């Protein structure tokens, strides 16, 4: 499939159909970002499909959605990621916040 000119489009149509089947909705401003809102708890899960990154405050809901996703797609669960694609990710569990920055990458570029 990868050698075909339409392979990217075919993959994108398939992943979009999968995400909609899992009841994710697609952001209008960025087609690679999907979101899911649990009807009972109103918790939010955001999935960035280009790199397939999912995150949520609700770890049980997140695990449930990852398991459904993994039934169709190969997915490596990195748990609490510290760095991804030159982005530093800092978790503040006390305040339930996540901070991201690219300062190390910027220093490499400037050097």
PDB file of N, CA and C in Angstrom:
ATOM      1  N   UNK A   1       0.811  -1.190   0.000  1.00  0.00           N
ATOM      2  CA  UNK A   1       0.000   0.000   0.000  1.00  0.00           C
ATOM      3  C   UNK A   1       0.860   1.261   0.000  1.00  0.00           C
ATOM      4  N   UNK A   2       2.016   1.246   0.687  1.00  0.00           N
ATOM      5  CA  UNK A   2       2.816   2.455   0.820  1.00  0.00           C
ATOM      6  C   UNK A   2       3.428   2.944  -0.495  1.00  0.00           C
ATOM      7  N   UNK A   3       3.549   2.089  -1.485  1.00  0.00           N
ATOM      8  CA  UNK A   3       4.140   2.514  -2.747  1.00  0.00           C
ATOM      9  C   UNK A   3       3.107   3.177  -3.666  1.00  0.00           C
ATOM     10  N   UNK A   4       1.855   3.109  -3.304  1.00  0.00           N
ATOM     11  CA  UNK A   4       0.812   3.716  -4.125  1.00  0.00           C
ATOM     12  C   UNK A   4       0.709   5.213  -3.860  1.00  0.00           C
ATOM     13  N   UNK A   5       0.350   5.977  -4.900  1.00  0.00           N
ATOM     14  CA  UNK A   5       0.244   7.428  -4.748  1.00  0.00           C
ATOM     15  C   UNK A   5      -0.866   7.830  -3.783  1.00  0.00           C
ATOM     16  N   UNK A   6      -1.905   7.040  -3.688  1.00  0.00           N
ATOM     17  CA  UNK A   6      -3.031   7.365  -2.824  1.00  0.00           C
ATOM     18  C   UNK A   6      -2.931   6.716  -1.434  1.00  0.00           C
ATOM     19  N   UNK A   7      -1.771   6.151  -1.115  1.00  0.00           N
ATOM     20  CA  UNK A   7      -1.626   5.436   0.157  1.00  0.00           C
ATOM     21  C   UNK A   7      -1.891   6.353   1.350  1.00  0.00           C
ATOM     22  N   UNK A   8      -1.366   7.564   1.318  1.00  0.00           N
ATOM     23  CA  UNK A   8      -1.576   8.503   2.424  1.00  0.00           C
ATOM     24  C   UNK A   8      -3.042   8.826   2.616  1.00  0.00           C
ATOM     25  N   UNK A   9      -3.727   9.091   1.518  1.00  0.00           N
ATOM     26  CA  UNK A   9      -5.153   9.400   1.586  1.00  0.00           C
ATOM     27  C   UNK A   9      -5.938   8.205   2.097  1.00  0.00           C
ATOM     28  N   UNK A  10      -5.598   7.023   1.629  1.00  0.00           N
ATOM     29  CA  UNK A  10      -6.284   5.810   2.065  1.00  0.00           C
ATOM     30  C   UNK A  10      -6.081   5.590   3.562  1.00  0.00           C
ATOM     31  N   UNK A  11      -4.837   5.762   4.041  1.00  0.00           N
ATOM     32  CA  UNK A  11      -4.555   5.615   5.464  1.00  0.00           C
ATOM     33  C   UNK A  11      -5.347   6.634   6.257  1.00  0.00           C
ATOM     34  N   UNK A  12      -5.369   7.873   5.786  1.00  0.00           N
ATOM     35  CA  UNK A  12      -6.056   8.942   6.510  1.00  0.00           C
ATOM     36  C   UNK A  12      -7.555   8.665   6.583  1.00  0.00           C
ATOM     37  N   UNK A  13      -8.153   8.205   5.513  1.00  0.00           N
ATOM     38  CA  UNK A  13      -9.578   7.881   5.520  1.00  0.00           C
ATOM     39  C   UNK A  13      -9.872   6.737   6.490  1.00  0.00           C
ATOM     40  N   UNK A  14      -8.978   5.758   6.536  1.00  0.00           N
ATOM     41  CA  UNK A  14      -9.161   4.611   7.434  1.00  0.00           C
ATOM     42  C   UNK A  14      -9.037   5.032   8.894  1.00  0.00           C
ATOM     43  N   UNK A  15      -8.032   5.841   9.222  1.00  0.00           N
ATOM     44  CA  UNK A  15      -7.854   6.273  10.623  1.00  0.00           C
ATOM     45  C   UNK A  15      -8.990   7.177  11.050  1.00  0.00           C
ATOM     46  N   UNK A  16      -9.468   8.034  10.154  1.00  0.00           N
ATOM     47  CA  UNK A  16     -10.595   8.909  10.488  1.00  0.00           C
ATOM     48  C   UNK A  16     -11.842   8.089  10.779  1.00  0.00           C
ATOM     49  N   UNK A  17     -12.093   7.084   9.959  1.00  0.00           N
ATOM     50  CA  UNK A  17     -13.244   6.205  10.185  1.00  0.00           C
ATOM     51  C   UNK A  17     -13.113   5.486  11.529  1.00  0.00           C
ATOM     52  N   UNK A  18     -11.903   5.032  11.864  1.00  0.00           N
ATOM     53  CA  UNK A  18     -11.672   4.355  13.143  1.00  0.00           C
ATOM     54  C   UNK A  18     -11.950   5.278  14.322  1.00  0.00           C
ATOM     55  N   UNK A  19     -11.463   6.500  14.238  1.00  0.00           N
ATOM     56  CA  UNK A  19     -11.658   7.443  15.341  1.00  0.00           C
ATOM     57  C   UNK A  19     -13.146   7.780  15.522  1.00  0.00           C
ATOM     58  N   UNK A  20     -13.855   7.933  14.425  1.00  0.00           N
ATOM     59  CA  UNK A  20     -15.286   8.219  14.514  1.00  0.00           C
ATOM     60  C   UNK A  20     -16.042   7.024  15.090  1.00  0.00           C
ATOM     61  N   UNK A  21     -15.597   5.811  14.760  1.00  0.00           N
ATOM     62  CA  UNK A  21     -16.195   4.599  15.322  1.00  0.00           C
ATOM     63  C   UNK A  21     -15.997   4.564  16.838  1.00  0.00           C
ATOM     64  N   UNK A  22     -14.868   5.069  17.310  1.00  0.00           N
ATOM     65  CA  UNK A  22     -14.587   5.130  18.749  1.00  0.00           C
ATOM     66  C   UNK A  22     -15.261   6.328  19.413  1.00  0.00           C
ATOM     67  N   UNK A  23     -16.094   7.029  18.660  1.00  0.00           N
ATOM     68  CA  UNK A  23     -16.876   8.172  19.133  1.00  0.00           C
ATOM     69  C   UNK A  23     -16.044   9.422  19.391  1.00  0.00           C
ATOM     70  N   UNK A  24     -14.873   9.504  18.770  1.00  0.00           N
ATOM     71  CA  UNK A  24     -14.107  10.750  18.803  1.00  0.00           C
ATOM     72  C   UNK A  24     -14.704  11.695  17.775  1.00  0.00           C
ATOM     73  N   UNK A  25     -14.559  12.987  18.014  1.00  0.00           N
ATOM     74  CA  UNK A  25     -14.970  13.996  17.043  1.00  0.00           C
ATOM     75  C   UNK A  25     -13.707  14.694  16.549  1.00  0.00           C
ATOM     76  N   UNK A  26     -13.740  15.141  15.309  1.00  0.00           N
ATOM     77  CA  UNK A  26     -12.569  15.762  14.694  1.00  0.00           C
ATOM     78  C   UNK A  26     -12.655  17.282  14.855  1.00  0.00           C
ATOM     79  N   UNK A  27     -11.553  17.896  15.294  1.00  0.00           N
ATOM     80  CA  UNK A  27     -11.514  19.356  15.362  1.00  0.00           C
ATOM     81  C   UNK A  27     -11.607  19.927  13.964  1.00  0.00           C
ATOM     82  N   UNK A  28     -12.358  21.006  13.825  1.00  0.00           N
ATOM     83  CA  UNK A  28     -12.489  21.645  12.521  1.00  0.00           C
ATOM     84  C   UNK A  28     -11.215  22.415  12.144  1.00  0.00           C
ATOM     85  N   UNK A  29     -10.511  22.945  13.136  1.00  0.00           N
ATOM     86  CA  UNK A  29      -9.324  23.763  12.873  1.00  0.00           C
ATOM     87  C   UNK A  29      -8.071  22.942  12.576  1.00  0.00           C
ATOM     88  N   UNK A  30      -8.042  21.653  12.970  1.00  0.00           N
ATOM     89  CA  UNK A  30      -6.882  20.797  12.726  1.00  0.00           C
ATOM     90  C   UNK A  30      -7.365  19.365  12.552  1.00  0.00           C
ATOM     91  N   UNK A  31      -7.303  18.876  11.326  1.00  0.00           N
ATOM     92  CA  UNK A  31      -7.860  17.559  11.000  1.00  0.00           C
ATOM     93  C   UNK A  31      -7.137  16.406  11.690  1.00  0.00           C
ATOM     94  N   UNK A  32      -5.943  16.628  12.220  1.00  0.00           N
ATOM     95  CA  UNK A  32      -5.215  15.540  12.877  1.00  0.00           C
ATOM     96  C   UNK A  32      -5.515  15.451  14.367  1.00  0.00           C
ATOM     97  N   UNK A  33      -6.350  16.342  14.888  1.00  0.00           N
ATOM     98  CA  UNK A  33      -6.677  16.355  16.311  1.00  0.00           C
ATOM     99  C   UNK A  33      -8.135  15.943  16.499  1.00  0.00           C
ATOM    100  N   UNK A  34      -8.327  14.963  17.376  1.00  0.00           N
ATOM    101  CA  UNK A  34      -9.662  14.456  17.690  1.00  0.00           C
ATOM    102  C   UNK A  34      -9.898  14.625  19.184  1.00  0.00           C
ATOM    103  N   UNK A  35     -11.166  14.699  19.570  1.00  0.00           N
ATOM    104  CA  UNK A  35     -11.479  14.792  20.989  1.00  0.00           C
ATOM    105  C   UNK A  35     -12.660  13.892  21.321  1.00  0.00           C
ATOM    106  N   UNK A  36     -12.686  13.453  22.568  1.00  0.00           N
ATOM    107  CA  UNK A  36     -13.753  12.601  23.080  1.00  0.00           C
ATOM    108  C   UNK A  36     -14.168  13.180  24.420  1.00  0.00           C
ATOM    109  N   UNK A  37     -15.458  13.342  24.618  1.00  0.00           N
ATOM    110  CA  UNK A  37     -15.974  13.811  25.904  1.00  0.00           C
ATOM    111  C   UNK A  37     -16.872  12.719  26.470  1.00  0.00           C
ATOM    112  N   UNK A  38     -16.506  12.206  27.638  1.00  0.00           N
ATOM    113  CA  UNK A  38     -17.295  11.169  28.284  1.00  0.00           C
ATOM    114  C   UNK A  38     -18.629  11.774  28.731  1.00  0.00           C
ATOM    115  N   UNK A  39     -19.726  11.150  28.339  1.00  0.00           N
ATOM    116  CA  UNK A  39     -21.046  11.696  28.633  1.00  0.00           C
ATOM    117  C   UNK A  39     -21.361  11.727  30.128  1.00  0.00           C
ATOM    118  N   UNK A  40     -20.866  10.751  30.875  1.00  0.00           N
ATOM    119  CA  UNK A  40     -21.169  10.688  32.305  1.00  0.00           C
ATOM    120  C   UNK A  40     -20.321  11.654  33.121  1.00  0.00           C
ATOM    121  N   UNK A  41     -19.011  11.631  32.900  1.00  0.00           N
ATOM    122  CA  UNK A  41     -18.107  12.423  33.740  1.00  0.00           C
ATOM    123  C   UNK A  41     -17.739  13.771  33.140  1.00  0.00           C
ATOM    124  N   UNK A  42     -18.032  13.953  31.840  1.00  0.00           N
ATOM    125  CA  UNK A  42     -17.672  15.165  31.094  1.00  0.00           C
ATOM    126  C   UNK A  42     -16.154  15.339  30.976  1.00  0.00           C
ATOM    127  N   UNK A  43     -15.402  14.248  31.176  1.00  0.00           N
ATOM    128  CA  UNK A  43     -13.946  14.290  31.028  1.00  0.00           C
ATOM    129  C   UNK A  43     -13.577  14.324  29.553  1.00  0.00           C
ATOM    130  N   UNK A  44     -12.484  14.990  29.257  1.00  0.00           N
ATOM    131  CA  UNK A  44     -12.021  15.198  27.896  1.00  0.00           C
ATOM    132  C   UNK A  44     -10.784  14.350  27.618  1.00  0.00           C
ATOM    133  N   UNK A  45     -10.760  13.712  26.446  1.00  0.00           N
ATOM    134  CA  UNK A  45      -9.573  13.018  25.947  1.00  0.00           C
ATOM    135  C   UNK A  45      -9.243  13.634  24.603  1.00  0.00           C
ATOM    136  N   UNK A  46      -8.001  14.009  24.417  1.00  0.00           N
ATOM    137  CA  UNK A  46      -7.558  14.580  23.152  1.00  0.00           C
ATOM    138  C   UNK A  46      -6.588  13.606  22.504  1.00  0.00           C
ATOM    139  N   UNK A  47      -6.784  13.346  21.208  1.00  0.00           N
ATOM    140  CA  UNK A  47      -5.907  12.444  20.453  1.00  0.00           C
ATOM    141  C   UNK A  47      -5.320  13.206  19.273  1.00  0.00           C
ATOM    142  N   UNK A  48      -3.997  13.229  19.204  1.00  0.00           N
ATOM    143  CA  UNK A  48      -3.298  13.820  18.071  1.00  0.00           C
ATOM    144  C   UNK A  48      -2.862  12.648  17.208  1.00  0.00           C
ATOM    145  N   UNK A  49      -3.539  12.456  16.096  1.00  0.00           N
ATOM    146  CA  UNK A  49      -3.393  11.215  15.342  1.00  0.00           C
ATOM    147  C   UNK A  49      -2.141  11.189  14.474  1.00  0.00           C
ATOM    148  N   UNK A  50      -1.619  12.316  14.091  1.00  0.00           N
ATOM    149  CA  UNK A  50      -0.410  12.317  13.266  1.00  0.00           C
ATOM    150  C   UNK A  50       0.696  11.531  13.956  1.00  0.00           C
ATOM    151  N   UNK A  51       0.803  11.733  15.264  1.00  0.00           N
ATOM    152  CA  UNK A  51       1.768  10.984  16.064  1.00  0.00           C
ATOM    153  C   UNK A  51       1.069  10.009  16.996  1.00  0.00           C
ATOM    154  N   UNK A  52      -0.246  10.063  17.004  1.00  0.00           N
ATOM    155  CA  UNK A  52      -1.104   9.244  17.852  1.00  0.00           C
ATOM    156  C   UNK A  52      -0.733   9.389  19.317  1.00  0.00           C
ATOM    157  N   UNK A  53      -0.922  10.570  19.820  1.00  0.00           N
ATOM    158  CA  UNK A  53      -0.705  10.907  21.217  1.00  0.00           C
ATOM    159  C   UNK A  53      -2.064  11.149  21.843  1.00  0.00           C
ATOM    160  N   UNK A  54      -2.360  10.461  22.934  1.00  0.00           N
ATOM    161  CA  UNK A  54      -3.620  10.667  23.648  1.00  0.00           C
ATOM    162  C   UNK A  54      -3.312  11.089  25.070  1.00  0.00           C
ATOM    163  N   UNK A  55      -4.111  12.003  25.579  1.00  0.00           N
ATOM    164  CA  UNK A  55      -3.927  12.436  26.950  1.00  0.00           C
ATOM    165  C   UNK A  55      -5.234  12.870  27.576  1.00  0.00           C
ATOM    166  N   UNK A  56      -5.349  12.673  28.886  1.00  0.00           N
ATOM    167  CA  UNK A  56      -6.535  13.066  29.626  1.00  0.00           C
ATOM    168  C   UNK A  56      -6.212  13.077  31.114  1.00  0.00           C
ATOM    169  N   UNK A  57      -6.980  13.831  31.887  1.00  0.00           N
ATOM    170  CA  UNK A  57      -6.848  13.798  33.335  1.00  0.00           C
ATOM    171  C   UNK A  57      -7.400  12.490  33.896  1.00  0.00           C
ATOM    172  N   UNK A  58      -8.373  11.912  33.216  1.00  0.00           N
ATOM    173  CA  UNK A  58      -9.035  10.691  33.670  1.00  0.00           C
ATOM    174  C   UNK A  58      -8.274   9.477  33.139  1.00  0.00           C
ATOM    175  N   UNK A  59      -7.432   8.885  33.970  1.00  0.00           N
ATOM    176  CA  UNK A  59      -6.567   7.793  33.515  1.00  0.00           C
ATOM    177  C   UNK A  59      -7.358   6.532  33.160  1.00  0.00           C
ATOM    178  N   UNK A  60      -8.459   6.256  33.843  1.00  0.00           N
ATOM    179  CA  UNK A  60      -9.255   5.064  33.523  1.00  0.00           C
ATOM    180  C   UNK A  60      -9.958   5.222  32.177  1.00  0.00           C
ATOM    181  N   UNK A  61     -10.510   6.386  31.915  1.00  0.00           N
ATOM    182  CA  UNK A  61     -11.138   6.651  30.624  1.00  0.00           C
ATOM    183  C   UNK A  61     -10.106   6.572  29.515  1.00  0.00           C
ATOM    184  N   UNK A  62      -8.937   7.147  29.747  1.00  0.00           N
ATOM    185  CA  UNK A  62      -7.865   7.124  28.763  1.00  0.00           C
ATOM    186  C   UNK A  62      -7.441   5.685  28.453  1.00  0.00           C
ATOM    187  N   UNK A  63      -7.278   4.872  29.472  1.00  0.00           N
ATOM    188  CA  UNK A  63      -6.903   3.472  29.287  1.00  0.00           C
ATOM    189  C   UNK A  63      -7.954   2.722  28.473  1.00  0.00           C
ATOM    190  N   UNK A  64      -9.225   2.948  28.781  1.00  0.00           N
ATOM    191  CA  UNK A  64     -10.320   2.294  28.059  1.00  0.00           C
ATOM    192  C   UNK A  64     -10.277   2.648  26.566  1.00  0.00           C
ATOM    193  N   UNK A  65     -10.069   3.930  26.251  1.00  0.00           N
ATOM    194  CA  UNK A  65     -10.033   4.345  24.850  1.00  0.00           C
ATOM    195  C   UNK A  65      -8.781   3.834  24.137  1.00  0.00           C
ATOM    196  N   UNK A  66      -7.647   3.797  24.844  1.00  0.00           N
ATOM    197  CA  UNK A  66      -6.424   3.255  24.251  1.00  0.00           C
ATOM    198  C   UNK A  66      -6.605   1.770  23.914  1.00  0.00           C
ATOM    199  N   UNK A  67      -7.249   1.034  24.814  1.00  0.00           N
ATOM    200  CA  UNK A  67      -7.467  -0.393  24.561  1.00  0.00           C
ATOM    201  C   UNK A  67      -8.348  -0.605  23.337  1.00  0.00           C
ATOM    202  N   UNK A  68      -9.383   0.212  23.175  1.00  0.00           N
ATOM    203  CA  UNK A  68     -10.235   0.113  21.987  1.00  0.00           C
ATOM    204  C   UNK A  68      -9.436   0.435  20.730  1.00  0.00           C
ATOM    205  N   UNK A  69      -8.603   1.480  20.814  1.00  0.00           N
ATOM    206  CA  UNK A  69      -7.786   1.893  19.680  1.00  0.00           C
ATOM    207  C   UNK A  69      -6.806   0.785  19.291  1.00  0.00           C
ATOM    208  N   UNK A  70      -6.208   0.127  20.303  1.00  0.00           N
ATOM    209  CA  UNK A  70      -5.206  -0.907  20.056  1.00  0.00           C
ATOM    210  C   UNK A  70      -5.798  -2.182  19.461  1.00  0.00           C
ATOM    211  N   UNK A  71      -7.113  -2.332  19.513  1.00  0.00           N
ATOM    212  CA  UNK A  71      -7.742  -3.486  18.870  1.00  0.00           C
ATOM    213  C   UNK A  71      -7.614  -3.391  17.353  1.00  0.00           C
ATOM    214  N   UNK A  72      -7.502  -2.181  16.828  1.00  0.00           N
ATOM    215  CA  UNK A  72      -7.416  -1.989  15.380  1.00  0.00           C
ATOM    216  C   UNK A  72      -6.017  -1.576  14.938  1.00  0.00           C
ATOM    217  N   UNK A  73      -5.318  -0.811  15.741  1.00  0.00           N
ATOM    218  CA  UNK A  73      -4.040  -0.216  15.341  1.00  0.00           C
ATOM    219  C   UNK A  73      -2.924  -0.623  16.301  1.00  0.00           C
ATOM    220  N   UNK A  74      -1.713  -0.734  15.766  1.00  0.00           N
ATOM    221  CA  UNK A  74      -0.546  -0.962  16.609  1.00  0.00           C
ATOM    222  C   UNK A  74      -0.243   0.341  17.336  1.00  0.00           C
ATOM    223  N   UNK A  75      -0.082   0.257  18.634  1.00  0.00           N
ATOM    224  CA  UNK A  75       0.066   1.459  19.452  1.00  0.00           C
ATOM    225  C   UNK A  75       0.979   1.130  20.613  1.00  0.00           C
ATOM    226  N   UNK A  76       2.017   1.900  20.798  1.00  0.00           N
ATOM    227  CA  UNK A  76       2.933   1.686  21.916  1.00  0.00           C
ATOM    228  C   UNK A  76       2.585   2.666  23.024  1.00  0.00           C
ATOM    229  N   UNK A  77       2.192   2.139  24.151  1.00  0.00           N
ATOM    230  CA  UNK A  77       1.804   2.980  25.269  1.00  0.00           C
ATOM    231  C   UNK A  77       3.059   3.410  26.026  1.00  0.00           C
ATOM    232  N   UNK A  78       3.409   4.688  25.914  1.00  0.00           N
ATOM    233  CA  UNK A  78       4.624   5.195  26.541  1.00  0.00           C
ATOM    234  C   UNK A  78       4.390   5.667  27.971  1.00  0.00           C
ATOM    235  N   UNK A  79       3.166   5.524  28.455  1.00  0.00           N
ATOM    236  CA  UNK A  79       2.790   5.967  29.797  1.00  0.00           C
ATOM    237  C   UNK A  79       3.096   7.452  29.957  1.00  0.00           C
ATOM    238  N   UNK A  80       3.826   7.824  30.995  1.00  0.00           N
ATOM    239  CA  UNK A  80       4.105   9.239  31.240  1.00  0.00           C
ATOM    240  C   UNK A  80       5.342   9.664  30.451  1.00  0.00           C
ATOM    241  N   UNK A  81       5.118  10.290  29.331  1.00  0.00           N
ATOM    242  CA  UNK A  81       6.185  10.689  28.425  1.00  0.00           C
ATOM    243  C   UNK A  81       6.895  11.931  28.950  1.00  0.00           C
ATOM    244  N   UNK A  82       8.213  11.920  28.887  1.00  0.00           N
ATOM    245  CA  UNK A  82       9.023  13.074  29.321  1.00  0.00           C
ATOM    246  C   UNK A  82       9.455  13.938  28.136  1.00  0.00           C
ATOM    247  N   UNK A  83       9.656  13.300  26.978  1.00  0.00           N
ATOM    248  CA  UNK A  83      10.080  14.031  25.786  1.00  0.00           C
ATOM    249  C   UNK A  83       9.546  13.310  24.557  1.00  0.00           C
ATOM    250  N   UNK A  84       9.089  14.107  23.591  1.00  0.00           N
ATOM    251  CA  UNK A  84       8.582  13.528  22.356  1.00  0.00           C
ATOM    252  C   UNK A  84       8.762  14.542  21.241  1.00  0.00           C
ATOM    253  N   UNK A  85       9.428  14.128  20.152  1.00  0.00           N
ATOM    254  CA  UNK A  85       9.667  14.993  18.990  1.00  0.00           C
ATOM    255  C   UNK A  85      10.262  16.343  19.395  1.00  0.00           C
ATOM    256  N   UNK A  86      11.301  16.301  20.203  1.00  0.00           N
ATOM    257  CA  UNK A  86      12.014  17.507  20.663  1.00  0.00           C
ATOM    258  C   UNK A  86      11.159  18.403  21.558  1.00  0.00           C
ATOM    259  N   UNK A  87      10.057  17.886  22.082  1.00  0.00           N
ATOM    260  CA  UNK A  87       9.202  18.640  22.999  1.00  0.00           C
ATOM    261  C   UNK A  87       9.385  18.061  24.391  1.00  0.00           C
ATOM    262  N   UNK A  88       9.770  18.898  25.369  1.00  0.00           N
ATOM    263  CA  UNK A  88       9.902  18.467  26.763  1.00  0.00           C
ATOM    264  C   UNK A  88       8.525  18.545  27.424  1.00  0.00           C
ATOM    265  N   UNK A  89       8.169  17.482  28.143  1.00  0.00           N
ATOM    266  CA  UNK A  89       6.863  17.400  28.784  1.00  0.00           C
ATOM    267  C   UNK A  89       7.082  17.241  30.280  1.00  0.00           C
ATOM    268  N   UNK A  90       6.597  18.209  31.050  1.00  0.00           N
ATOM    269  CA  UNK A  90       6.727  18.182  32.506  1.00  0.00           C
ATOM    270  C   UNK A  90       5.345  18.017  33.130  1.00  0.00           C
ATOM    271  N   UNK A  91       5.222  17.015  33.993  1.00  0.00           N
ATOM    272  CA  UNK A  91       3.947  16.722  34.650  1.00  0.00           C
ATOM    273  C   UNK A  91       3.970  17.264  36.068  1.00  0.00           C
ATOM    274  N   UNK A  92       2.955  18.035  36.424  1.00  0.00           N
ATOM    275  CA  UNK A  92       2.780  18.506  37.792  1.00  0.00           C
ATOM    276  C   UNK A  92       1.538  17.808  38.329  1.00  0.00           C
ATOM    277  N   UNK A  93       1.745  16.688  39.015  1.00  0.00           N
ATOM    278  CA  UNK A  93       0.620  15.874  39.478  1.00  0.00           C
ATOM    279  C   UNK A  93      -0.163  16.567  40.577  1.00  0.00           C
ATOM    280  N   UNK A  94       0.510  17.376  41.386  1.00  0.00           N
ATOM    281  CA  UNK A  94      -0.163  18.066  42.483  1.00  0.00           C
ATOM    282  C   UNK A  94      -1.242  19.006  41.951  1.00  0.00           C
ATOM    283  N   UNK A  95      -0.909  19.769  40.921  1.00  0.00           N
ATOM    284  CA  UNK A  95      -1.858  20.730  40.336  1.00  0.00           C
ATOM    285  C   UNK A  95      -2.592  20.176  39.123  1.00  0.00           C
ATOM    286  N   UNK A  96      -2.319  18.927  38.768  1.00  0.00           N
ATOM    287  CA  UNK A  96      -2.920  18.266  37.598  1.00  0.00           C
ATOM    288  C   UNK A  96      -2.728  19.102  36.336  1.00  0.00           C
ATOM    289  N   UNK A  97      -1.470  19.508  36.113  1.00  0.00           N
ATOM    290  CA  UNK A  97      -1.157  20.299  34.923  1.00  0.00           C
ATOM    291  C   UNK A  97       0.017  19.678  34.183  1.00  0.00           C
ATOM    292  N   UNK A  98       0.052  19.924  32.896  1.00  0.00           N
ATOM    293  CA  UNK A  98       1.153  19.482  32.052  1.00  0.00           C
ATOM    294  C   UNK A  98       1.726  20.709  31.368  1.00  0.00           C
ATOM    295  N   UNK A  99       3.040  20.835  31.408  1.00  0.00           N
ATOM    296  CA  UNK A  99       3.731  21.956  30.772  1.00  0.00           C
ATOM    297  C   UNK A  99       4.615  21.409  29.659  1.00  0.00           C
ATOM    298  N   UNK A 100       4.558  22.037  28.511  1.00  0.00           N
ATOM    299  CA  UNK A 100       5.408  21.621  27.400  1.00  0.00           C
ATOM    300  C   UNK A 100       6.256  22.804  26.952  1.00  0.00           C
ATOM    301  N   UNK A 101       7.492  22.499  26.514  1.00  0.00           N
ATOM    302  CA  UNK A 101       8.352  23.542  25.973  1.00  0.00           C
ATOM    303  C   UNK A 101       9.370  22.913  25.034  1.00  0.00           C
ATOM    304  N   UNK A 102       9.975  23.755  24.250  1.00  0.00           N
ATOM    305  CA  UNK A 102      10.996  23.310  23.302  1.00  0.00           C
ATOM    306  C   UNK A 102      12.294  24.070  23.522  1.00  0.00           C
ATOM    307  N   UNK A 103      12.587  24.435  24.742  1.00  0.00           N
ATOM    308  CA  UNK A 103      13.778  25.233  25.034  1.00  0.00           C
ATOM    309  C   UNK A 103      15.069  24.488  24.665  1.00  0.00           C
ATOM    310  N   UNK A 104      15.132  23.181  24.939  1.00  0.00           N
ATOM    311  CA  UNK A 104      16.335  22.423  24.582  1.00  0.00           C
ATOM    312  C   UNK A 104      16.536  22.395  23.075  1.00  0.00           C
ATOM    313  N   UNK A 105      15.454  22.212  22.340  1.00  0.00           N
ATOM    314  CA  UNK A 105      15.521  22.213  20.880  1.00  0.00           C
ATOM    315  C   UNK A 105      15.950  23.588  20.374  1.00  0.00           C
ATOM    316  N   UNK A 106      15.404  24.630  20.970  1.00  0.00           N
ATOM    317  CA  UNK A 106      15.789  25.983  20.573  1.00  0.00           C
ATOM    318  C   UNK A 106      17.272  26.221  20.819  1.00  0.00           C
ATOM    319  N   UNK A 107      17.804  25.753  21.937  1.00  0.00           N
ATOM    320  CA  UNK A 107      19.247  25.885  22.212  1.00  0.00           C
ATOM    321  C   UNK A 107      20.069  25.156  21.181  1.00  0.00           C
ATOM    322  N   UNK A 108      19.625  23.968  20.732  1.00  0.00           N
ATOM    323  CA  UNK A 108      20.336  23.226  19.681  1.00  0.00           C
ATOM    324  C   UNK A 108      20.340  24.006  18.376  1.00  0.00           C
ATOM    325  N   UNK A 109      19.204  24.595  18.031  1.00  0.00           N
ATOM    326  CA  UNK A 109      19.092  25.362  16.793  1.00  0.00           C
ATOM    327  C   UNK A 109      19.993  26.592  16.852  1.00  0.00           C
ATOM    328  N   UNK A 110      20.008  27.272  17.982  1.00  0.00           N
ATOM    329  CA  UNK A 110      20.838  28.469  18.131  1.00  0.00           C
ATOM    330  C   UNK A 110      22.328  28.130  18.123  1.00  0.00           C
ATOM    331  N   UNK A 111      22.684  26.956  18.639  1.00  0.00           N
ATOM    332  CA  UNK A 111      24.093  26.562  18.664  1.00  0.00           C
ATOM    333  C   UNK A 111      24.547  26.236  17.254  1.00  0.00           C
TER     334      UNK A 111
END
